Amino acid sequence: MPPFVHRFRTAAFVLLLMAAASSAHAKATAVSPYTLPQTFGAALRLLRVDLGLEVTERDAEAAYLLFQYRSNDEAKHPVEGAVELIALENEVRVVIKIPALPEAHERLLRDRLVKKLREDFGEPPKRKPAAKPADPAKPAEPNKPHPAPPNEDEKPAP
């Protein structure tokens, strides 16, 4: 095999690895102490009303929003974005993804959503702390005799 073919394959492989590394995508996450309906509603209002973005798909039950994101730099070409909400015991995890743009855009949306939640709903609700597990039953003392049941034939002494 000629040496230039080997070099070409090596260069192609390196380019492929670089492309795969650049497409590896970070996401912005946050934790909302508000309820799932509050967080979903605030995210929807942020996208549609505050930012004027087109929401292409939404499902409150599945807790996600898909939208067309337009930054000031990319105003002519919108890109796909997503907000996913994951209900946990006492909080909601928010995941914002805009794969075609740098992570700074996702962080910007995350920070605006956190601010909007506090502005719209005030201080987070006080939630009940997670229930503590009950103390395990103490084991019976070994080799302790149980008292004998009273014998009905015996009469108590006067």
N, C-alpha and C. Protein backbone atom coordinates (compact mmCIF):
# COMPACT_ATOMS: atom_id res chain seq x y z
N MET A 1 0.85 -1.16 0.00
CA MET A 1 0.00 0.00 0.00
C MET A 1 0.90 1.24 0.00
N PRO A 2 0.60 2.20 -0.86
CA PRO A 2 1.44 3.41 -0.92
C PRO A 2 1.34 4.20 0.39
N PRO A 3 2.40 4.92 0.77
CA PRO A 3 2.42 5.63 2.05
C PRO A 3 1.35 6.74 2.13
N PHE A 4 1.03 7.37 0.99
CA PHE A 4 0.05 8.46 1.06
C PHE A 4 -1.34 7.94 1.44
N VAL A 5 -1.66 6.68 1.09
CA VAL A 5 -2.95 6.11 1.46
C VAL A 5 -3.02 5.94 2.99
N HIS A 6 -1.93 5.47 3.56
CA HIS A 6 -1.88 5.31 5.02
C HIS A 6 -2.04 6.66 5.72
N ARG A 7 -1.33 7.69 5.20
CA ARG A 7 -1.44 9.04 5.78
C ARG A 7 -2.87 9.57 5.64
N PHE A 8 -3.48 9.31 4.48
CA PHE A 8 -4.84 9.78 4.24
C PHE A 8 -5.80 9.13 5.23
N ARG A 9 -5.66 7.82 5.43
CA ARG A 9 -6.52 7.11 6.38
C ARG A 9 -6.33 7.65 7.80
N THR A 10 -5.08 7.89 8.17
CA THR A 10 -4.79 8.42 9.50
C THR A 10 -5.41 9.80 9.66
N ALA A 11 -5.25 10.65 8.66
CA ALA A 11 -5.82 12.00 8.74
C ALA A 11 -7.35 11.94 8.81
N ALA A 12 -7.95 11.04 8.03
CA ALA A 12 -9.40 10.90 8.05
C ALA A 12 -9.88 10.42 9.42
N PHE A 13 -9.13 9.50 10.00
CA PHE A 13 -9.48 9.00 11.32
C PHE A 13 -9.39 10.11 12.37
N VAL A 14 -8.34 10.91 12.31
CA VAL A 14 -8.17 12.01 13.26
C VAL A 14 -9.30 13.03 13.10
N LEU A 15 -9.67 13.35 11.87
CA LEU A 15 -10.78 14.27 11.63
C LEU A 15 -12.09 13.71 12.17
N LEU A 16 -12.29 12.43 11.98
CA LEU A 16 -13.50 11.79 12.50
C LEU A 16 -13.55 11.87 14.02
N LEU A 17 -12.44 11.62 14.69
CA LEU A 17 -12.39 11.73 16.15
C LEU A 17 -12.64 13.16 16.61
N MET A 18 -12.09 14.13 15.89
CA MET A 18 -12.30 15.52 16.26
C MET A 18 -13.76 15.91 16.09
N ALA A 19 -14.39 15.44 15.03
CA ALA A 19 -15.80 15.74 14.81
C ALA A 19 -16.66 15.12 15.90
N ALA A 20 -16.33 13.90 16.29
CA ALA A 20 -17.09 13.24 17.35
C ALA A 20 -16.91 13.98 18.67
N ALA A 21 -15.72 14.44 18.94
CA ALA A 21 -15.47 15.17 20.19
C ALA A 21 -16.20 16.51 20.20
N SER A 22 -16.25 17.18 19.07
CA SER A 22 -16.92 18.47 19.04
C SER A 22 -18.43 18.33 19.12
N SER A 23 -18.96 17.17 18.72
CA SER A 23 -20.40 16.98 18.80
C SER A 23 -20.82 16.47 20.18
N ALA A 24 -19.83 16.11 21.01
CA ALA A 24 -20.17 15.73 22.38
C ALA A 24 -20.79 16.97 23.02
N HIS A 25 -21.91 16.81 23.64
CA HIS A 25 -22.70 17.95 24.03
C HIS A 25 -22.90 18.02 25.53
N ALA A 26 -22.64 19.18 26.05
CA ALA A 26 -22.96 19.43 27.45
C ALA A 26 -24.37 19.97 27.53
N LYS A 27 -24.93 19.96 28.68
CA LYS A 27 -26.27 20.49 28.88
C LYS A 27 -26.27 21.29 30.17
N ALA A 28 -27.23 22.18 30.29
CA ALA A 28 -27.34 22.97 31.50
C ALA A 28 -28.45 22.36 32.36
N THR A 29 -28.15 22.14 33.62
CA THR A 29 -29.14 21.58 34.53
C THR A 29 -29.32 22.50 35.72
N ALA A 30 -30.49 22.41 36.32
CA ALA A 30 -30.80 23.17 37.52
C ALA A 30 -31.77 22.34 38.34
N VAL A 31 -31.93 22.71 39.58
CA VAL A 31 -32.90 22.07 40.46
C VAL A 31 -33.90 23.13 40.88
N SER A 32 -35.16 22.84 40.64
CA SER A 32 -36.24 23.76 41.01
C SER A 32 -36.91 23.25 42.27
N PRO A 33 -37.01 24.09 43.30
CA PRO A 33 -37.71 23.66 44.50
C PRO A 33 -39.23 23.80 44.38
N TYR A 34 -39.69 24.30 43.24
CA TYR A 34 -41.13 24.48 43.02
C TYR A 34 -41.73 23.19 42.47
N THR A 35 -43.05 23.16 42.35
CA THR A 35 -43.72 21.95 41.86
C THR A 35 -43.50 21.79 40.36
N LEU A 36 -43.80 20.60 39.87
CA LEU A 36 -43.67 20.33 38.44
C LEU A 36 -44.59 21.24 37.62
N PRO A 37 -45.87 21.40 37.96
CA PRO A 37 -46.71 22.31 37.17
C PRO A 37 -46.21 23.76 37.19
N GLN A 38 -45.72 24.23 38.32
CA GLN A 38 -45.18 25.59 38.38
C GLN A 38 -43.96 25.73 37.49
N THR A 39 -43.06 24.77 37.55
CA THR A 39 -41.83 24.84 36.77
C THR A 39 -42.13 24.72 35.28
N PHE A 40 -43.04 23.82 34.91
CA PHE A 40 -43.41 23.66 33.50
C PHE A 40 -44.04 24.95 32.96
N GLY A 41 -44.97 25.52 33.72
CA GLY A 41 -45.63 26.75 33.28
C GLY A 41 -44.65 27.90 33.14
N ALA A 42 -43.74 28.03 34.07
CA ALA A 42 -42.75 29.11 34.00
C ALA A 42 -41.83 28.92 32.81
N ALA A 43 -41.43 27.69 32.52
CA ALA A 43 -40.57 27.43 31.37
C ALA A 43 -41.30 27.76 30.06
N LEU A 44 -42.56 27.39 29.98
CA LEU A 44 -43.35 27.69 28.78
C LEU A 44 -43.51 29.20 28.60
N ARG A 45 -43.82 29.92 29.67
CA ARG A 45 -43.97 31.38 29.57
C ARG A 45 -42.65 32.05 29.22
N LEU A 46 -41.54 31.54 29.78
CA LEU A 46 -40.23 32.10 29.46
C LEU A 46 -39.95 31.99 27.96
N LEU A 47 -40.20 30.80 27.41
CA LEU A 47 -39.90 30.58 25.99
C LEU A 47 -40.82 31.40 25.09
N ARG A 48 -42.13 31.29 25.31
CA ARG A 48 -43.11 31.91 24.40
C ARG A 48 -43.29 33.40 24.63
N VAL A 49 -43.47 33.82 25.86
CA VAL A 49 -43.82 35.21 26.14
C VAL A 49 -42.57 36.08 26.29
N ASP A 50 -41.69 35.67 27.21
CA ASP A 50 -40.53 36.51 27.50
C ASP A 50 -39.54 36.56 26.35
N LEU A 51 -39.27 35.41 25.73
CA LEU A 51 -38.26 35.35 24.67
C LEU A 51 -38.86 35.35 23.26
N GLY A 52 -40.17 35.14 23.15
CA GLY A 52 -40.82 35.14 21.84
C GLY A 52 -40.39 34.00 20.93
N LEU A 53 -40.03 32.87 21.53
CA LEU A 53 -39.59 31.72 20.74
C LEU A 53 -40.78 30.84 20.37
N GLU A 54 -40.63 30.10 19.30
CA GLU A 54 -41.68 29.19 18.86
C GLU A 54 -41.53 27.86 19.59
N VAL A 55 -42.58 27.45 20.29
CA VAL A 55 -42.60 26.15 20.96
C VAL A 55 -43.22 25.18 19.96
N THR A 56 -42.44 24.22 19.50
CA THR A 56 -42.90 23.30 18.45
C THR A 56 -43.65 22.10 19.00
N GLU A 57 -43.35 21.74 20.23
CA GLU A 57 -44.04 20.60 20.85
C GLU A 57 -43.95 20.75 22.35
N ARG A 58 -45.04 20.38 23.02
CA ARG A 58 -45.05 20.44 24.48
C ARG A 58 -45.95 19.34 25.01
N ASP A 59 -45.58 18.82 26.17
CA ASP A 59 -46.37 17.80 26.82
C ASP A 59 -46.18 17.96 28.33
N ALA A 60 -47.21 18.49 28.98
CA ALA A 60 -47.11 18.74 30.42
C ALA A 60 -47.04 17.43 31.20
N GLU A 61 -47.73 16.41 30.70
CA GLU A 61 -47.73 15.12 31.39
C GLU A 61 -46.36 14.45 31.32
N ALA A 62 -45.74 14.49 30.16
CA ALA A 62 -44.40 13.91 30.00
C ALA A 62 -43.33 14.90 30.43
N ALA A 63 -43.70 16.15 30.66
CA ALA A 63 -42.84 17.21 31.20
C ALA A 63 -41.67 17.55 30.27
N TYR A 64 -42.00 17.95 29.05
CA TYR A 64 -40.95 18.43 28.15
C TYR A 64 -41.51 19.48 27.21
N LEU A 65 -40.60 20.31 26.70
CA LEU A 65 -40.90 21.34 25.72
C LEU A 65 -39.84 21.28 24.63
N LEU A 66 -40.24 21.35 23.38
CA LEU A 66 -39.31 21.48 22.26
C LEU A 66 -39.54 22.86 21.66
N PHE A 67 -38.48 23.53 21.27
CA PHE A 67 -38.62 24.90 20.79
C PHE A 67 -37.57 25.22 19.73
N GLN A 68 -37.82 26.30 19.00
CA GLN A 68 -36.89 26.84 18.02
C GLN A 68 -36.16 28.00 18.68
N TYR A 69 -34.87 27.85 18.90
CA TYR A 69 -34.09 28.87 19.59
C TYR A 69 -33.42 29.80 18.59
N ARG A 70 -33.57 31.08 18.84
CA ARG A 70 -32.90 32.11 18.03
C ARG A 70 -32.12 33.00 18.98
N SER A 71 -30.82 32.96 18.85
CA SER A 71 -30.00 33.88 19.63
C SER A 71 -29.81 35.14 18.79
N ASN A 72 -29.29 36.18 19.37
CA ASN A 72 -29.03 37.40 18.61
C ASN A 72 -28.04 37.14 17.48
N ASP A 73 -27.07 36.24 17.72
CA ASP A 73 -26.07 35.94 16.70
C ASP A 73 -26.64 35.09 15.58
N GLU A 74 -27.59 34.24 15.89
CA GLU A 74 -28.12 33.27 14.93
C GLU A 74 -29.58 33.57 14.59
N ALA A 75 -29.96 34.84 14.50
CA ALA A 75 -31.37 35.22 14.34
C ALA A 75 -31.99 34.67 13.06
N LYS A 76 -31.20 34.50 12.01
CA LYS A 76 -31.76 34.03 10.74
C LYS A 76 -31.97 32.53 10.73
N HIS A 77 -31.23 31.81 11.52
CA HIS A 77 -31.29 30.35 11.49
C HIS A 77 -31.63 29.80 12.87
N PRO A 78 -32.89 29.51 13.13
CA PRO A 78 -33.23 28.94 14.45
C PRO A 78 -32.70 27.52 14.56
N VAL A 79 -32.42 27.13 15.78
CA VAL A 79 -31.95 25.77 16.05
C VAL A 79 -32.89 25.12 17.05
N GLU A 80 -32.91 23.80 17.06
CA GLU A 80 -33.78 23.03 17.96
C GLU A 80 -33.24 23.09 19.39
N GLY A 81 -34.17 23.20 20.32
CA GLY A 81 -33.82 23.16 21.73
C GLY A 81 -34.86 22.36 22.49
N ALA A 82 -34.52 21.96 23.69
CA ALA A 82 -35.45 21.17 24.51
C ALA A 82 -35.29 21.53 25.98
N VAL A 83 -36.41 21.50 26.67
CA VAL A 83 -36.43 21.62 28.14
C VAL A 83 -37.08 20.35 28.65
N GLU A 84 -36.38 19.63 29.50
CA GLU A 84 -36.91 18.41 30.11
C GLU A 84 -37.02 18.64 31.61
N LEU A 85 -38.12 18.19 32.18
CA LEU A 85 -38.34 18.34 33.62
C LEU A 85 -38.51 16.96 34.23
N ILE A 86 -37.80 16.72 35.31
CA ILE A 86 -37.84 15.41 35.96
C ILE A 86 -38.28 15.62 37.40
N ALA A 87 -39.46 15.12 37.73
CA ALA A 87 -39.99 15.29 39.08
C ALA A 87 -39.31 14.30 40.02
N LEU A 88 -38.73 14.84 41.07
CA LEU A 88 -38.12 14.04 42.13
C LEU A 88 -38.98 14.22 43.38
N GLU A 89 -38.55 13.68 44.49
CA GLU A 89 -39.40 13.69 45.69
C GLU A 89 -39.76 15.10 46.15
N ASN A 90 -38.79 15.97 46.31
CA ASN A 90 -39.05 17.32 46.82
C ASN A 90 -38.54 18.42 45.90
N GLU A 91 -38.31 18.10 44.64
CA GLU A 91 -37.78 19.09 43.71
C GLU A 91 -38.01 18.62 42.28
N VAL A 92 -37.70 19.50 41.35
CA VAL A 92 -37.81 19.19 39.93
C VAL A 92 -36.46 19.47 39.30
N ARG A 93 -35.90 18.49 38.63
CA ARG A 93 -34.64 18.69 37.91
C ARG A 93 -34.97 19.21 36.53
N VAL A 94 -34.32 20.30 36.13
CA VAL A 94 -34.52 20.95 34.85
C VAL A 94 -33.28 20.69 33.99
N VAL A 95 -33.50 20.19 32.76
CA VAL A 95 -32.40 19.96 31.84
C VAL A 95 -32.70 20.74 30.57
N ILE A 96 -31.79 21.61 30.19
CA ILE A 96 -31.96 22.43 28.98
C ILE A 96 -30.88 22.03 27.99
N LYS A 97 -31.33 21.73 26.76
CA LYS A 97 -30.40 21.28 25.71
C LYS A 97 -30.62 22.11 24.45
N ILE A 98 -29.53 22.62 23.93
CA ILE A 98 -29.52 23.25 22.61
C ILE A 98 -28.24 22.71 21.93
N PRO A 99 -28.31 21.54 21.34
CA PRO A 99 -27.11 20.86 20.87
C PRO A 99 -26.29 21.61 19.83
N ALA A 100 -26.91 22.44 19.01
CA ALA A 100 -26.19 23.10 17.92
C ALA A 100 -25.39 24.32 18.38
N LEU A 101 -25.58 24.75 19.61
CA LEU A 101 -24.91 25.97 20.07
C LEU A 101 -24.05 25.68 21.30
N PRO A 102 -23.15 26.61 21.61
CA PRO A 102 -22.32 26.44 22.80
C PRO A 102 -23.16 26.39 24.08
N GLU A 103 -22.60 25.80 25.10
CA GLU A 103 -23.30 25.60 26.37
C GLU A 103 -23.72 26.92 27.01
N ALA A 104 -23.07 28.01 26.67
CA ALA A 104 -23.42 29.30 27.26
C ALA A 104 -24.88 29.67 27.00
N HIS A 105 -25.43 29.28 25.86
CA HIS A 105 -26.83 29.56 25.55
C HIS A 105 -27.76 28.78 26.49
N GLU A 106 -27.40 27.53 26.76
CA GLU A 106 -28.20 26.71 27.68
C GLU A 106 -28.14 27.28 29.09
N ARG A 107 -26.96 27.69 29.52
CA ARG A 107 -26.82 28.28 30.86
C ARG A 107 -27.61 29.57 30.98
N LEU A 108 -27.63 30.37 29.91
CA LEU A 108 -28.40 31.61 29.91
C LEU A 108 -29.89 31.32 30.13
N LEU A 109 -30.43 30.35 29.39
CA LEU A 109 -31.84 29.98 29.57
C LEU A 109 -32.09 29.44 30.97
N ARG A 110 -31.19 28.61 31.45
CA ARG A 110 -31.34 28.04 32.80
C ARG A 110 -31.40 29.15 33.85
N ASP A 111 -30.49 30.09 33.76
CA ASP A 111 -30.44 31.18 34.74
C ASP A 111 -31.69 32.05 34.66
N ARG A 112 -32.17 32.30 33.45
CA ARG A 112 -33.40 33.09 33.30
C ARG A 112 -34.60 32.35 33.87
N LEU A 113 -34.65 31.03 33.70
CA LEU A 113 -35.76 30.25 34.25
C LEU A 113 -35.73 30.27 35.78
N VAL A 114 -34.57 30.10 36.37
CA VAL A 114 -34.45 30.12 37.83
C VAL A 114 -34.91 31.48 38.36
N LYS A 115 -34.50 32.55 37.70
CA LYS A 115 -34.90 33.90 38.11
C LYS A 115 -36.41 34.08 37.95
N LYS A 116 -36.96 33.60 36.84
CA LYS A 116 -38.39 33.74 36.58
C LYS A 116 -39.21 32.98 37.64
N LEU A 117 -38.79 31.79 38.00
CA LEU A 117 -39.51 31.03 39.02
C LEU A 117 -39.58 31.81 40.33
N ARG A 118 -38.48 32.39 40.74
CA ARG A 118 -38.45 33.15 42.00
C ARG A 118 -39.32 34.40 41.88
N GLU A 119 -39.26 35.08 40.71
CA GLU A 119 -40.08 36.29 40.52
C GLU A 119 -41.57 35.96 40.49
N ASP A 120 -41.92 34.88 39.82
CA ASP A 120 -43.34 34.51 39.68
C ASP A 120 -43.94 33.93 40.95
N PHE A 121 -43.19 33.13 41.67
CA PHE A 121 -43.75 32.37 42.79
C PHE A 121 -43.18 32.73 44.16
N GLY A 122 -42.22 33.65 44.21
CA GLY A 122 -41.66 34.05 45.49
C GLY A 122 -40.76 32.98 46.08
N GLU A 123 -40.69 33.00 47.39
CA GLU A 123 -39.85 32.02 48.08
C GLU A 123 -40.35 30.61 47.78
N PRO A 124 -39.45 29.66 47.62
CA PRO A 124 -39.87 28.28 47.36
C PRO A 124 -40.72 27.75 48.50
N PRO A 125 -41.67 26.88 48.19
CA PRO A 125 -42.53 26.32 49.24
C PRO A 125 -41.72 25.46 50.20
N LYS A 126 -42.15 25.46 51.44
CA LYS A 126 -41.52 24.58 52.43
C LYS A 126 -42.07 23.18 52.20
N ARG A 127 -41.21 22.27 51.91
CA ARG A 127 -41.62 20.89 51.67
C ARG A 127 -41.32 20.05 52.89
N LYS A 128 -42.09 19.00 53.05
CA LYS A 128 -41.84 18.08 54.15
C LYS A 128 -40.51 17.38 53.91
N PRO A 129 -39.71 17.23 54.96
CA PRO A 129 -38.47 16.47 54.77
C PRO A 129 -38.80 15.01 54.48
N ALA A 130 -37.91 14.38 53.81
CA ALA A 130 -38.12 12.96 53.49
C ALA A 130 -38.30 12.17 54.77
N ALA A 131 -39.21 11.22 54.75
CA ALA A 131 -39.48 10.40 55.93
C ALA A 131 -38.25 9.59 56.30
N LYS A 132 -37.94 9.60 57.59
CA LYS A 132 -36.79 8.83 58.05
C LYS A 132 -37.22 7.39 58.24
N PRO A 133 -36.34 6.45 57.93
CA PRO A 133 -36.72 5.05 58.13
C PRO A 133 -36.90 4.77 59.61
N ALA A 134 -37.86 3.92 59.93
CA ALA A 134 -38.14 3.56 61.33
C ALA A 134 -36.96 2.80 61.90
N ASP A 135 -36.80 2.92 63.23
CA ASP A 135 -35.73 2.18 63.89
C ASP A 135 -36.01 0.69 63.77
N PRO A 136 -34.99 -0.08 63.47
CA PRO A 136 -35.22 -1.52 63.38
C PRO A 136 -35.60 -2.08 64.75
N ALA A 137 -36.41 -3.12 64.73
CA ALA A 137 -36.84 -3.75 65.98
C ALA A 137 -35.64 -4.31 66.71
N LYS A 138 -35.66 -4.13 68.03
CA LYS A 138 -34.55 -4.67 68.82
C LYS A 138 -34.70 -6.18 68.90
N PRO A 139 -33.60 -6.89 68.76
CA PRO A 139 -33.70 -8.35 68.86
C PRO A 139 -34.00 -8.77 70.30
N ALA A 140 -34.70 -9.86 70.44
CA ALA A 140 -35.05 -10.39 71.76
C ALA A 140 -33.76 -10.81 72.47
N GLU A 141 -33.80 -10.68 73.79
CA GLU A 141 -32.62 -11.09 74.55
C GLU A 141 -32.50 -12.60 74.46
N PRO A 142 -31.33 -13.07 74.16
CA PRO A 142 -31.17 -14.53 74.03
C PRO A 142 -31.27 -15.24 75.37
N ASN A 143 -31.79 -16.42 75.32
CA ASN A 143 -31.87 -17.33 76.47
C ASN A 143 -32.63 -16.76 77.66
N LYS A 144 -33.54 -15.87 77.45
CA LYS A 144 -34.35 -15.36 78.55
C LYS A 144 -35.62 -16.18 78.58
N PRO A 145 -35.90 -16.84 79.69
CA PRO A 145 -37.08 -17.70 79.73
C PRO A 145 -38.36 -16.85 79.76
N HIS A 146 -39.36 -17.34 79.11
CA HIS A 146 -40.66 -16.68 79.12
C HIS A 146 -41.40 -17.13 80.37
N PRO A 147 -42.17 -16.23 80.99
CA PRO A 147 -42.91 -16.66 82.20
C PRO A 147 -43.97 -17.69 81.81
N ALA A 148 -44.14 -18.65 82.71
CA ALA A 148 -45.12 -19.71 82.47
C ALA A 148 -46.52 -19.16 82.66
N PRO A 149 -47.46 -19.63 81.87
CA PRO A 149 -48.84 -19.17 82.05
C PRO A 149 -49.38 -19.69 83.38
N PRO A 150 -50.27 -18.94 83.99
CA PRO A 150 -50.79 -19.39 85.30
C PRO A 150 -51.59 -20.68 85.14
N ASN A 151 -51.45 -21.56 86.10
CA ASN A 151 -52.15 -22.82 86.11
C ASN A 151 -53.48 -22.60 86.80
N GLU A 152 -54.56 -22.97 86.17
CA GLU A 152 -55.89 -22.74 86.74
C GLU A 152 -56.18 -23.65 87.92
N ASP A 153 -55.46 -24.77 88.03
CA ASP A 153 -55.69 -25.69 89.13
C ASP A 153 -55.15 -25.15 90.44
N GLU A 154 -54.13 -24.37 90.36
CA GLU A 154 -53.56 -23.81 91.58
C GLU A 154 -54.37 -22.60 92.02
N LYS A 155 -54.62 -22.54 93.30
CA LYS A 155 -55.34 -21.41 93.84
C LYS A 155 -54.37 -20.55 94.59
N PRO A 156 -54.59 -19.27 94.49
CA PRO A 156 -53.66 -18.38 95.21
C PRO A 156 -53.80 -18.53 96.70
N ALA A 157 -52.73 -18.37 97.39
CA ALA A 157 -52.73 -18.48 98.85
C ALA A 157 -53.44 -17.27 99.43
N PRO A 158 -54.24 -17.53 100.58
CA PRO A 158 -54.97 -16.41 101.18
C PRO A 158 -54.10 -15.48 101.95
